[in-house]
Amino acid sequence: MESVLVAYSGGADSTLLAAVAKDVLGTKALAVTAKSPSLATEELDDAVETARALGLNHRVIETGEVDRADYKANDPNRCYFCKEELYTHLAALAATEGYECIANGHNMDDQGDFRPGINSARRRGIRSPLVEAGLTKAEVRELSRRLGLSTWDKPAQACLSSRVPYGTPITIEALQRIAKAEAYLRSLGVRQARVRHHDTIARIEVAPEDFPALLAPDARQALTRHFKGLGYAYVTLDMDGFRSGSMNEVYASLQQKAARFQAE
């Protein structure tokens, strides 16, 4: 690639990519993190600290996807408009400072999920080196562990807007509420948590083995009190536990129903 600008979120995938880019290209590799209300503050802080510890050439830029009408509308293609905003900024930066390529941290497992943002990357010629190398998420984690990267077992994270059901407009207030609710769960020692935002209802997803920690009488009462203080009227625990992309389940079901209707 000669020189590369890496879309770096601080997760396992982009951290491995940024670290290898630094080893191969040195100062010709720049890791860039997008700051916006859709990224939890502690996630941004973690990304900055990890970049500092690894000695990455790193920069934080501000993006405005939450100001875009097509993003705020929150239809199933929301991720496409988010990536369009990101890649517009990255392309401008790459052009101004002379970076040959822009790369993201998509891996092989991402290819089978519903990710409209991949279409934006393809349209704009964004490279996905982990995909080009045929690496799965498990392999990314194993390589990260061998390289001593602290992110090798970091729980997967996603844009805070992914907690909001399709069709419900994205607001900064909702994103801030979600971020605070999830931060509270992590303060209880829960590593992998999602708070799905259904207006006045918080639907909590954690691994089943974490259920007892939330359901113990004192913990349950404190959790409910905290969430209601954030503005939720009802606090629920999803009995299926955590699963990435659960908001896509309803969308997939609607697609299947539409397909059956058309077939009939």
C-alpha atoms as a PDB file:
ATOM      1  CA  MET A   1       0.000   0.000   0.000  1.00  0.00           C
ATOM      2  CA  GLU A   2       3.034   2.320   0.470  1.00  0.00           C
ATOM      3  CA  SER A   3       1.090   4.442   2.965  1.00  0.00           C
ATOM      4  CA  VAL A   4      -2.225   3.881   4.712  1.00  0.00           C
ATOM      5  CA  LEU A   5      -4.833   5.648   6.790  1.00  0.00           C
ATOM      6  CA  VAL A   6      -6.505   3.141   9.147  1.00  0.00           C
ATOM      7  CA  ALA A   7     -10.072   3.627  10.401  1.00  0.00           C
ATOM      8  CA  TYR A   8      -9.274   2.832  14.041  1.00  0.00           C
ATOM      9  CA  SER A   9     -11.984   2.380  16.670  1.00  0.00           C
ATOM     10  CA  GLY A  10      -9.854   0.737  19.354  1.00  0.00           C
ATOM     11  CA  GLY A  11     -11.546  -2.653  18.972  1.00  0.00           C
ATOM     12  CA  ALA A  12      -9.711  -5.925  18.437  1.00  0.00           C
ATOM     13  CA  ASP A  13      -9.862  -5.799  14.624  1.00  0.00           C
ATOM     14  CA  SER A  14      -8.766  -2.232  13.981  1.00  0.00           C
ATOM     15  CA  THR A  15      -6.136  -2.364  16.720  1.00  0.00           C
ATOM     16  CA  LEU A  16      -4.459  -5.383  15.125  1.00  0.00           C
ATOM     17  CA  LEU A  17      -4.623  -3.665  11.735  1.00  0.00           C
ATOM     18  CA  ALA A  18      -3.214  -0.385  13.065  1.00  0.00           C
ATOM     19  CA  ALA A  19      -0.436  -2.141  14.984  1.00  0.00           C
ATOM     20  CA  VAL A  20       0.674  -4.150  11.939  1.00  0.00           C
ATOM     21  CA  ALA A  21       0.414  -1.075   9.708  1.00  0.00           C
ATOM     22  CA  LYS A  22       2.720   0.759  12.103  1.00  0.00           C
ATOM     23  CA  ASP A  23       5.211  -2.142  12.123  1.00  0.00           C
ATOM     24  CA  VAL A  24       5.241  -2.358   8.309  1.00  0.00           C
ATOM     25  CA  LEU A  25       4.984   1.304   7.302  1.00  0.00           C
ATOM     26  CA  GLY A  26       6.096   3.270  10.355  1.00  0.00           C
ATOM     27  CA  THR A  27       5.207   6.959  10.020  1.00  0.00           C
ATOM     28  CA  LYS A  28       3.473   6.234   6.703  1.00  0.00           C
ATOM     29  CA  ALA A  29       0.595   4.690   8.690  1.00  0.00           C
ATOM     30  CA  LEU A  30      -1.944   6.904  10.438  1.00  0.00           C
ATOM     31  CA  ALA A  31      -4.667   5.554  12.719  1.00  0.00           C
ATOM     32  CA  VAL A  32      -7.750   7.789  12.789  1.00  0.00           C
ATOM     33  CA  THR A  33     -10.585   7.609  15.315  1.00  0.00           C
ATOM     34  CA  ALA A  34     -13.929   9.302  14.712  1.00  0.00           C
ATOM     35  CA  LYS A  35     -15.394  11.148  17.679  1.00  0.00           C
ATOM     36  CA  SER A  36     -19.163  11.569  17.732  1.00  0.00           C
ATOM     37  CA  PRO A  37     -22.164  11.031  20.050  1.00  0.00           C
ATOM     38  CA  SER A  38     -22.571   7.524  18.574  1.00  0.00           C
ATOM     39  CA  LEU A  39     -19.292   6.457  20.252  1.00  0.00           C
ATOM     40  CA  ALA A  40     -19.311   6.081  24.035  1.00  0.00           C
ATOM     41  CA  THR A  41     -16.836   8.433  25.723  1.00  0.00           C
ATOM     42  CA  GLU A  42     -15.067   5.594  27.512  1.00  0.00           C
ATOM     43  CA  GLU A  43     -14.619   3.782  24.184  1.00  0.00           C
ATOM     44  CA  LEU A  44     -12.936   6.875  22.754  1.00  0.00           C
ATOM     45  CA  ASP A  45     -10.747   7.154  25.848  1.00  0.00           C
ATOM     46  CA  ASP A  46      -9.764   3.479  25.545  1.00  0.00           C
ATOM     47  CA  ALA A  47      -8.878   3.920  21.865  1.00  0.00           C
ATOM     48  CA  VAL A  48      -6.693   6.927  22.635  1.00  0.00           C
ATOM     49  CA  GLU A  49      -4.939   5.134  25.501  1.00  0.00           C
ATOM     50  CA  THR A  50      -4.339   1.976  23.438  1.00  0.00           C
ATOM     51  CA  ALA A  51      -2.921   4.057  20.588  1.00  0.00           C
ATOM     52  CA  ARG A  52      -0.588   5.825  23.017  1.00  0.00           C
ATOM     53  CA  ALA A  53       0.573   2.545  24.572  1.00  0.00           C
ATOM     54  CA  LEU A  54       1.317   1.077  21.134  1.00  0.00           C
ATOM     55  CA  GLY A  55       3.048   4.217  19.911  1.00  0.00           C
ATOM     56  CA  LEU A  56       0.668   4.606  16.997  1.00  0.00           C
ATOM     57  CA  ASN A  57       0.635   7.663  14.805  1.00  0.00           C
ATOM     58  CA  HIS A  58      -2.901   8.558  15.892  1.00  0.00           C
ATOM     59  CA  ARG A  59      -5.431  11.289  15.345  1.00  0.00           C
ATOM     60  CA  VAL A  60      -8.990  11.956  16.513  1.00  0.00           C
ATOM     61  CA  ILE A  61     -11.393  13.696  14.139  1.00  0.00           C
ATOM     62  CA  GLU A  62     -15.012  14.717  14.629  1.00  0.00           C
ATOM     63  CA  THR A  63     -17.759  13.339  12.411  1.00  0.00           C
ATOM     64  CA  GLY A  64     -21.358  14.500  12.171  1.00  0.00           C
ATOM     65  CA  GLU A  65     -23.404  11.461  11.240  1.00  0.00           C
ATOM     66  CA  VAL A  66     -25.961  12.251  13.977  1.00  0.00           C
ATOM     67  CA  ASP A  67     -26.695  15.529  12.164  1.00  0.00           C
ATOM     68  CA  ARG A  68     -27.551  13.784   8.894  1.00  0.00           C
ATOM     69  CA  ALA A  69     -31.264  13.331   8.207  1.00  0.00           C
ATOM     70  CA  ASP A  70     -30.667   9.959   6.502  1.00  0.00           C
ATOM     71  CA  TYR A  71     -28.819   8.691   9.573  1.00  0.00           C
ATOM     72  CA  LYS A  72     -31.273  10.080  12.128  1.00  0.00           C
ATOM     73  CA  ALA A  73     -34.172   8.441  10.277  1.00  0.00           C
ATOM     74  CA  ASN A  74     -32.671   5.106  11.400  1.00  0.00           C
ATOM     75  CA  ASP A  75     -33.841   2.874   8.590  1.00  0.00           C
ATOM     76  CA  PRO A  76     -32.067  -0.484   8.068  1.00  0.00           C
ATOM     77  CA  ASN A  77     -29.426   1.257   5.923  1.00  0.00           C
ATOM     78  CA  ARG A  78     -28.368   3.590   8.749  1.00  0.00           C
ATOM     79  CA  CYS A  79     -24.891   2.058   8.886  1.00  0.00           C
ATOM     80  CA  TYR A  80     -24.344   2.940   5.230  1.00  0.00           C
ATOM     81  CA  PHE A  81     -24.881   6.641   5.917  1.00  0.00           C
ATOM     82  CA  CYS A  82     -22.658   6.467   9.001  1.00  0.00           C
ATOM     83  CA  LYS A  83     -19.805   5.031   6.940  1.00  0.00           C
ATOM     84  CA  GLU A  84     -20.432   7.538   4.164  1.00  0.00           C
ATOM     85  CA  GLU A  85     -19.856  10.301   6.714  1.00  0.00           C
ATOM     86  CA  LEU A  86     -16.725   8.608   8.065  1.00  0.00           C
ATOM     87  CA  TYR A  87     -15.168   7.794   4.710  1.00  0.00           C
ATOM     88  CA  THR A  88     -15.877  11.298   3.393  1.00  0.00           C
ATOM     89  CA  HIS A  89     -13.746  12.700   6.213  1.00  0.00           C
ATOM     90  CA  LEU A  90     -11.055  10.045   5.827  1.00  0.00           C
ATOM     91  CA  ALA A  91     -10.845  10.523   2.067  1.00  0.00           C
ATOM     92  CA  ALA A  92     -10.385  14.268   2.509  1.00  0.00           C
ATOM     93  CA  LEU A  93      -7.672  13.692   5.105  1.00  0.00           C
ATOM     94  CA  ALA A  94      -5.901  11.097   2.956  1.00  0.00           C
ATOM     95  CA  ALA A  95      -5.967  13.432  -0.054  1.00  0.00           C
ATOM     96  CA  THR A  96      -4.673  16.405   1.931  1.00  0.00           C
ATOM     97  CA  GLU A  97      -1.827  14.531   3.615  1.00  0.00           C
ATOM     98  CA  GLY A  98      -0.912  12.150   0.814  1.00  0.00           C
ATOM     99  CA  TYR A  99      -1.937   8.711   2.103  1.00  0.00           C
ATOM    100  CA  GLU A 100      -2.263   6.200  -0.726  1.00  0.00           C
ATOM    101  CA  CYS A 101      -4.893   3.914   0.820  1.00  0.00           C
ATOM    102  CA  ILE A 102      -7.662   3.899   3.399  1.00  0.00           C
ATOM    103  CA  ALA A 103      -8.249   0.643   5.282  1.00  0.00           C
ATOM    104  CA  ASN A 104     -10.874  -0.651   7.706  1.00  0.00           C
ATOM    105  CA  GLY A 105     -10.887  -3.530  10.184  1.00  0.00           C
ATOM    106  CA  HIS A 106     -13.563  -5.743   8.634  1.00  0.00           C
ATOM    107  CA  ASN A 107     -12.818  -9.464   9.016  1.00  0.00           C
ATOM    108  CA  MET A 108     -14.204 -12.543   7.280  1.00  0.00           C
ATOM    109  CA  ASP A 109     -16.990 -13.015   9.837  1.00  0.00           C
ATOM    110  CA  ASP A 110     -18.360  -9.581   8.979  1.00  0.00           C
ATOM    111  CA  GLN A 111     -19.064 -10.734   5.434  1.00  0.00           C
ATOM    112  CA  GLY A 112     -21.977 -12.914   6.507  1.00  0.00           C
ATOM    113  CA  ASP A 113     -23.735 -10.338   8.702  1.00  0.00           C
ATOM    114  CA  PHE A 114     -26.134  -7.565   7.699  1.00  0.00           C
ATOM    115  CA  ARG A 115     -23.699  -4.637   7.409  1.00  0.00           C
ATOM    116  CA  PRO A 116     -24.783  -1.934   4.947  1.00  0.00           C
ATOM    117  CA  GLY A 117     -21.608  -0.009   5.766  1.00  0.00           C
ATOM    118  CA  ILE A 118     -19.627  -2.563   3.769  1.00  0.00           C
ATOM    119  CA  ASN A 119     -21.384  -1.292   0.640  1.00  0.00           C
ATOM    120  CA  SER A 120     -20.080   2.206   1.331  1.00  0.00           C
ATOM    121  CA  ALA A 121     -16.542   0.847   1.749  1.00  0.00           C
ATOM    122  CA  ARG A 122     -16.737  -1.056  -1.533  1.00  0.00           C
ATOM    123  CA  ARG A 123     -18.144   1.913  -3.404  1.00  0.00           C
ATOM    124  CA  ARG A 124     -15.325   4.129  -2.196  1.00  0.00           C
ATOM    125  CA  GLY A 125     -12.516   1.627  -2.707  1.00  0.00           C
ATOM    126  CA  ILE A 126     -11.723   1.209   0.991  1.00  0.00           C
ATOM    127  CA  ARG A 127      -9.372  -1.729   1.582  1.00  0.00           C
ATOM    128  CA  SER A 128     -10.102  -4.470   4.138  1.00  0.00           C
ATOM    129  CA  PRO A 129      -6.719  -6.140   4.751  1.00  0.00           C
ATOM    130  CA  LEU A 130      -8.085  -8.623   7.310  1.00  0.00           C
ATOM    131  CA  VAL A 131     -10.590  -9.869   4.734  1.00  0.00           C
ATOM    132  CA  GLU A 132      -7.927  -9.918   2.026  1.00  0.00           C
ATOM    133  CA  ALA A 133      -5.819 -12.099   4.346  1.00  0.00           C
ATOM    134  CA  GLY A 134      -8.829 -14.378   5.036  1.00  0.00           C
ATOM    135  CA  LEU A 135      -8.787 -13.767   8.796  1.00  0.00           C
ATOM    136  CA  THR A 136     -11.774 -14.637  10.992  1.00  0.00           C
ATOM    137  CA  LYS A 137     -12.546 -12.949  14.305  1.00  0.00           C
ATOM    138  CA  ALA A 138     -11.090 -15.886  16.221  1.00  0.00           C
ATOM    139  CA  GLU A 139      -7.869 -15.632  14.224  1.00  0.00           C
ATOM    140  CA  VAL A 140      -7.711 -11.868  14.781  1.00  0.00           C
ATOM    141  CA  ARG A 141      -7.948 -12.475  18.515  1.00  0.00           C
ATOM    142  CA  GLU A 142      -5.304 -15.212  18.460  1.00  0.00           C
ATOM    143  CA  LEU A 143      -2.863 -13.109  16.435  1.00  0.00           C
ATOM    144  CA  SER A 144      -3.523 -10.163  18.765  1.00  0.00           C
ATOM    145  CA  ARG A 145      -2.790 -12.365  21.783  1.00  0.00           C
ATOM    146  CA  ARG A 146       0.495 -13.553  20.260  1.00  0.00           C
ATOM    147  CA  LEU A 147       1.495  -9.945  19.573  1.00  0.00           C
ATOM    148  CA  GLY A 148       0.681  -8.960  23.147  1.00  0.00           C
ATOM    149  CA  LEU A 149      -2.113  -6.559  22.218  1.00  0.00           C
ATOM    150  CA  SER A 150      -4.354  -5.735  25.176  1.00  0.00           C
ATOM    151  CA  THR A 151      -7.401  -5.806  22.906  1.00  0.00           C
ATOM    152  CA  TRP A 152      -7.073  -9.500  22.050  1.00  0.00           C
ATOM    153  CA  ASP A 153     -10.046 -10.416  24.261  1.00  0.00           C
ATOM    154  CA  LYS A 154     -11.843  -7.062  24.279  1.00  0.00           C
ATOM    155  CA  PRO A 155     -15.609  -7.563  23.983  1.00  0.00           C
ATOM    156  CA  ALA A 156     -17.092  -6.566  20.638  1.00  0.00           C
ATOM    157  CA  GLN A 157     -18.585  -3.096  20.560  1.00  0.00           C
ATOM    158  CA  ALA A 158     -20.801  -1.367  18.062  1.00  0.00           C
ATOM    159  CA  CYS A 159     -22.151   2.094  17.374  1.00  0.00           C
ATOM    160  CA  LEU A 160     -24.546   3.156  20.144  1.00  0.00           C
ATOM    161  CA  SER A 161     -27.234   3.696  17.512  1.00  0.00           C
ATOM    162  CA  SER A 162     -27.350  -0.070  16.997  1.00  0.00           C
ATOM    163  CA  ARG A 163     -29.269  -0.231  20.299  1.00  0.00           C
ATOM    164  CA  VAL A 164     -32.205   1.696  18.822  1.00  0.00           C
ATOM    165  CA  PRO A 165     -34.901  -0.175  16.839  1.00  0.00           C
ATOM    166  CA  TYR A 166     -35.094   0.601  13.135  1.00  0.00           C
ATOM    167  CA  GLY A 167     -37.617   3.339  12.458  1.00  0.00           C
ATOM    168  CA  THR A 168     -37.099   5.057  15.805  1.00  0.00           C
ATOM    169  CA  PRO A 169     -35.279   8.351  15.156  1.00  0.00           C
ATOM    170  CA  ILE A 170     -31.750   8.643  16.516  1.00  0.00           C
ATOM    171  CA  THR A 171     -31.307  11.439  19.048  1.00  0.00           C
ATOM    172  CA  ILE A 172     -28.260  12.542  21.004  1.00  0.00           C
ATOM    173  CA  GLU A 173     -30.299  12.285  24.207  1.00  0.00           C
ATOM    174  CA  ALA A 174     -31.066   8.615  23.545  1.00  0.00           C
ATOM    175  CA  LEU A 175     -27.423   7.849  22.728  1.00  0.00           C
ATOM    176  CA  GLN A 176     -26.263   9.518  25.929  1.00  0.00           C
ATOM    177  CA  ARG A 177     -28.817   7.585  27.965  1.00  0.00           C
ATOM    178  CA  ILE A 178     -27.712   4.289  26.427  1.00  0.00           C
ATOM    179  CA  ALA A 179     -24.043   5.066  27.057  1.00  0.00           C
ATOM    180  CA  LYS A 180     -24.660   5.867  30.715  1.00  0.00           C
ATOM    181  CA  ALA A 181     -26.803   2.745  31.200  1.00  0.00           C
ATOM    182  CA  GLU A 182     -24.164   0.454  29.680  1.00  0.00           C
ATOM    183  CA  ALA A 183     -21.399   2.136  31.684  1.00  0.00           C
ATOM    184  CA  TYR A 184     -23.349   1.312  34.831  1.00  0.00           C
ATOM    185  CA  LEU A 185     -23.566  -2.365  33.856  1.00  0.00           C
ATOM    186  CA  ARG A 186     -19.814  -2.468  33.246  1.00  0.00           C
ATOM    187  CA  SER A 187     -19.263  -0.905  36.673  1.00  0.00           C
ATOM    188  CA  LEU A 188     -20.905  -4.050  38.070  1.00  0.00           C
ATOM    189  CA  GLY A 189     -18.274  -6.203  36.376  1.00  0.00           C
ATOM    190  CA  VAL A 190     -20.333  -7.162  33.323  1.00  0.00           C
ATOM    191  CA  ARG A 191     -17.900  -7.121  30.373  1.00  0.00           C
ATOM    192  CA  GLN A 192     -20.329  -7.718  27.505  1.00  0.00           C
ATOM    193  CA  ALA A 193     -23.573  -5.764  27.733  1.00  0.00           C
ATOM    194  CA  ARG A 194     -26.101  -4.045  25.514  1.00  0.00           C
ATOM    195  CA  VAL A 195     -28.955  -1.811  26.561  1.00  0.00           C
ATOM    196  CA  ARG A 196     -31.531  -1.943  23.766  1.00  0.00           C
ATOM    197  CA  HIS A 197     -33.445   1.321  23.799  1.00  0.00           C
ATOM    198  CA  HIS A 198     -37.199   0.893  23.284  1.00  0.00           C
ATOM    199  CA  ASP A 199     -38.340   4.430  24.134  1.00  0.00           C
ATOM    200  CA  THR A 200     -39.241   4.191  27.839  1.00  0.00           C
ATOM    201  CA  ILE A 201     -38.129   0.536  28.074  1.00  0.00           C
ATOM    202  CA  ALA A 202     -34.537  -0.608  28.590  1.00  0.00           C
ATOM    203  CA  ARG A 203     -33.994  -4.187  27.400  1.00  0.00           C
ATOM    204  CA  ILE A 204     -30.741  -5.420  28.905  1.00  0.00           C
ATOM    205  CA  GLU A 205     -28.701  -8.079  27.121  1.00  0.00           C
ATOM    206  CA  VAL A 206     -25.896  -9.767  29.051  1.00  0.00           C
ATOM    207  CA  ALA A 207     -24.462 -13.279  28.989  1.00  0.00           C
ATOM    208  CA  PRO A 208     -26.666 -15.729  30.951  1.00  0.00           C
ATOM    209  CA  GLU A 209     -23.839 -16.330  33.416  1.00  0.00           C
ATOM    210  CA  ASP A 210     -24.127 -12.654  34.384  1.00  0.00           C
ATOM    211  CA  PHE A 211     -27.843 -12.914  35.195  1.00  0.00           C
ATOM    212  CA  PRO A 212     -27.276 -13.717  38.921  1.00  0.00           C
ATOM    213  CA  ALA A 213     -25.164 -10.580  39.397  1.00  0.00           C
ATOM    214  CA  LEU A 214     -28.030  -8.420  38.126  1.00  0.00           C
ATOM    215  CA  LEU A 215     -30.876 -10.319  39.771  1.00  0.00           C
ATOM    216  CA  ALA A 216     -29.557 -10.445  43.323  1.00  0.00           C
ATOM    217  CA  PRO A 217     -32.097  -8.395  45.339  1.00  0.00           C
ATOM    218  CA  ASP A 218     -29.870  -5.445  46.263  1.00  0.00           C
ATOM    219  CA  ALA A 219     -28.229  -5.297  42.822  1.00  0.00           C
ATOM    220  CA  ARG A 220     -31.589  -5.537  41.041  1.00  0.00           C
ATOM    221  CA  GLN A 221     -33.102  -2.699  43.057  1.00  0.00           C
ATOM    222  CA  ALA A 222     -30.037  -0.481  42.611  1.00  0.00           C
ATOM    223  CA  LEU A 223     -29.965  -1.185  38.866  1.00  0.00           C
ATOM    224  CA  THR A 224     -33.651  -0.394  38.447  1.00  0.00           C
ATOM    225  CA  ARG A 225     -33.284   2.782  40.474  1.00  0.00           C
ATOM    226  CA  HIS A 226     -30.283   3.897  38.407  1.00  0.00           C
ATOM    227  CA  PHE A 227     -31.944   3.213  35.044  1.00  0.00           C
ATOM    228  CA  LYS A 228     -35.135   5.002  36.066  1.00  0.00           C
ATOM    229  CA  GLY A 229     -32.966   7.927  37.113  1.00  0.00           C
ATOM    230  CA  LEU A 230     -31.664   7.995  33.537  1.00  0.00           C
ATOM    231  CA  GLY A 231     -35.213   8.289  32.208  1.00  0.00           C
ATOM    232  CA  TYR A 232     -36.377   4.713  31.616  1.00  0.00           C
ATOM    233  CA  ALA A 233     -39.816   3.838  32.978  1.00  0.00           C
ATOM    234  CA  TYR A 234     -39.330   0.060  32.709  1.00  0.00           C
ATOM    235  CA  VAL A 235     -36.207  -2.076  33.020  1.00  0.00           C
ATOM    236  CA  THR A 236     -36.171  -5.588  31.544  1.00  0.00           C
ATOM    237  CA  LEU A 237     -33.677  -8.430  31.189  1.00  0.00           C
ATOM    238  CA  ASP A 238     -33.669 -10.266  27.854  1.00  0.00           C
ATOM    239  CA  MET A 239     -33.860 -13.965  28.727  1.00  0.00           C
ATOM    240  CA  ASP A 240     -32.054 -14.963  25.507  1.00  0.00           C
ATOM    241  CA  GLY A 241     -28.986 -13.121  26.752  1.00  0.00           C
ATOM    242  CA  PHE A 242     -26.468 -11.114  24.766  1.00  0.00           C
ATOM    243  CA  ARG A 243     -26.196 -11.614  21.016  1.00  0.00           C
ATOM    244  CA  SER A 244     -24.596  -9.228  18.589  1.00  0.00           C
ATOM    245  CA  GLY A 245     -26.971  -7.562  16.135  1.00  0.00           C
ATOM    246  CA  SER A 246     -30.188  -8.595  17.872  1.00  0.00           C
ATOM    247  CA  MET A 247     -31.972  -5.585  16.394  1.00  0.00           C
ATOM    248  CA  ASN A 248     -31.536  -7.227  12.996  1.00  0.00           C
ATOM    249  CA  GLU A 249     -33.692 -10.172  14.116  1.00  0.00           C
ATOM    250  CA  VAL A 250     -36.906  -8.202  13.649  1.00  0.00           C
ATOM    251  CA  TYR A 251     -35.705  -6.847  10.307  1.00  0.00           C
ATOM    252  CA  ALA A 252     -34.840 -10.354   9.080  1.00  0.00           C
ATOM    253  CA  SER A 253     -38.263 -11.596  10.181  1.00  0.00           C
ATOM    254  CA  LEU A 254     -39.985  -8.783   8.258  1.00  0.00           C
ATOM    255  CA  GLN A 255     -37.951  -9.616   5.154  1.00  0.00           C
ATOM    256  CA  GLN A 256     -38.973 -13.263   5.378  1.00  0.00           C
ATOM    257  CA  LYS A 257     -42.644 -12.336   5.768  1.00  0.00           C
ATOM    258  CA  ALA A 258     -42.421  -9.993   2.774  1.00  0.00           C
ATOM    259  CA  ALA A 259     -40.795 -12.738   0.690  1.00  0.00           C
ATOM    260  CA  ARG A 260     -43.555 -15.208   1.602  1.00  0.00           C
ATOM    261  CA  PHE A 261     -46.235 -12.639   0.793  1.00  0.00           C
ATOM    262  CA  GLN A 262     -44.704 -11.986  -2.634  1.00  0.00           C
ATOM    263  CA  ALA A 263     -44.416 -15.730  -3.310  1.00  0.00           C
ATOM    264  CA  GLU A 264     -48.111 -16.191  -2.558  1.00  0.00           C
END
